[in-house]
Amino acid sequence: MDTSSTNNTSPVLTINKAENPTGEHIIAVKKDANLEDVIKLAKDPKSVTRLDIIHAFCGTFDKETLDKFLSHPDVRRVSEDGFMDD
């Protein structure tokens, strides 16, 4: 059996891309999960903006932190935040 493609540290999700990204990301958490537990993965949890109405938060995160979010079982989506066209 070939296990070379098995890598437990690789992200499970991928980042949803925006047409006009702001440099921030929106992290959507599963409804039955604790939002605070996922926010704590950020290097500076006080710097995130909570989006409670959609059970999410946003902020500027480095690649290492984004990888943590992407592989966390309580995260349902990671998206680039973007500007809307007029």
Protein backbone atom coordinates (compact mmCIF):
# COMPACT_ATOMS: atom_id res chain seq x y z
CA MET A 1 0.00 0.00 0.00
CA ASP A 2 1.36 3.41 -0.99
CA THR A 3 1.19 5.87 1.92
CA SER A 4 3.31 8.58 0.31
CA SER A 5 0.22 10.71 -0.38
CA THR A 6 -0.94 10.48 3.25
CA ASN A 7 0.05 13.59 5.16
CA ASN A 8 -1.78 14.41 8.39
CA THR A 9 -0.39 17.95 8.47
CA SER A 10 -1.74 19.02 5.07
CA PRO A 11 -4.76 21.33 5.09
CA VAL A 12 -8.13 19.70 4.52
CA LEU A 13 -9.86 22.84 3.20
CA THR A 14 -8.73 25.31 0.55
CA ILE A 15 -9.03 29.09 0.61
CA ASN A 16 -11.97 30.50 -1.37
CA LYS A 17 -10.51 33.28 -3.52
CA ALA A 18 -11.94 36.81 -3.95
CA GLU A 19 -11.70 38.83 -7.16
CA ASN A 20 -10.45 41.95 -5.33
CA PRO A 21 -8.85 40.67 -2.09
CA THR A 22 -8.24 43.01 0.85
CA GLY A 23 -5.48 40.91 2.41
CA GLU A 24 -7.79 39.72 5.18
CA HIS A 25 -9.52 36.35 5.50
CA ILE A 26 -12.93 35.34 6.83
CA ILE A 27 -12.93 32.18 8.93
CA ALA A 28 -16.39 30.57 9.15
CA VAL A 29 -16.84 28.14 12.04
CA LYS A 30 -19.31 25.26 12.20
CA LYS A 31 -22.51 26.24 13.99
CA ASP A 32 -22.14 23.65 16.75
CA ALA A 33 -18.49 24.59 17.42
CA ASN A 34 -17.11 27.09 19.90
CA LEU A 35 -16.06 30.23 18.01
CA GLU A 36 -13.65 31.28 20.79
CA ASP A 37 -11.73 28.01 20.59
CA VAL A 38 -10.94 28.65 16.92
CA ILE A 39 -10.17 32.36 17.44
CA LYS A 40 -7.53 31.33 20.00
CA LEU A 41 -5.50 29.82 17.15
CA ALA A 42 -4.74 33.35 15.87
CA LYS A 43 -1.37 34.76 16.95
CA ASP A 44 -3.19 37.84 18.28
CA PRO A 45 -6.78 36.81 19.09
CA LYS A 46 -7.62 40.38 20.18
CA SER A 47 -6.93 41.64 16.64
CA VAL A 48 -9.73 39.66 14.96
CA THR A 49 -13.15 41.09 14.17
CA ARG A 50 -16.00 38.83 15.26
CA LEU A 51 -18.83 38.27 12.80
CA ASP A 52 -21.26 36.63 15.23
CA ILE A 53 -24.28 36.81 12.93
CA ILE A 54 -22.57 34.34 10.55
CA HIS A 55 -20.57 32.49 13.27
CA ALA A 56 -17.26 33.68 11.84
CA PHE A 57 -14.41 36.13 12.33
CA CYS A 58 -11.95 37.96 10.09
CA GLY A 59 -8.45 39.31 10.27
CA THR A 60 -5.00 39.31 8.73
CA PHE A 61 -3.24 35.98 9.25
CA ASP A 62 0.11 34.54 8.18
CA LYS A 63 0.39 31.27 6.23
CA GLU A 64 1.10 29.21 9.36
CA THR A 65 -2.08 30.45 11.06
CA LEU A 66 -4.17 30.00 7.89
CA ASP A 67 -2.93 26.40 7.68
CA LYS A 68 -4.10 25.84 11.27
CA PHE A 69 -7.55 27.15 10.37
CA LEU A 70 -7.69 25.11 7.16
CA SER A 71 -6.97 21.87 8.99
CA HIS A 72 -9.09 22.54 12.09
CA PRO A 73 -12.15 20.24 12.30
CA ASP A 74 -14.42 23.08 13.54
CA VAL A 75 -13.72 25.38 10.57
CA ARG A 76 -16.19 25.08 7.70
CA ARG A 77 -14.77 27.70 5.31
CA VAL A 78 -11.79 30.03 4.86
CA SER A 79 -12.33 32.84 2.35
CA GLU A 80 -10.39 35.84 1.18
CA ASP A 81 -12.18 39.06 2.12
CA GLY A 82 -12.68 41.20 -0.95
CA PHE A 83 -13.93 44.51 -2.25
CA MET A 84 -17.21 44.53 -4.17
CA ASP A 85 -17.25 46.03 -7.66
CA ASP A 86 -19.55 49.00 -8.17
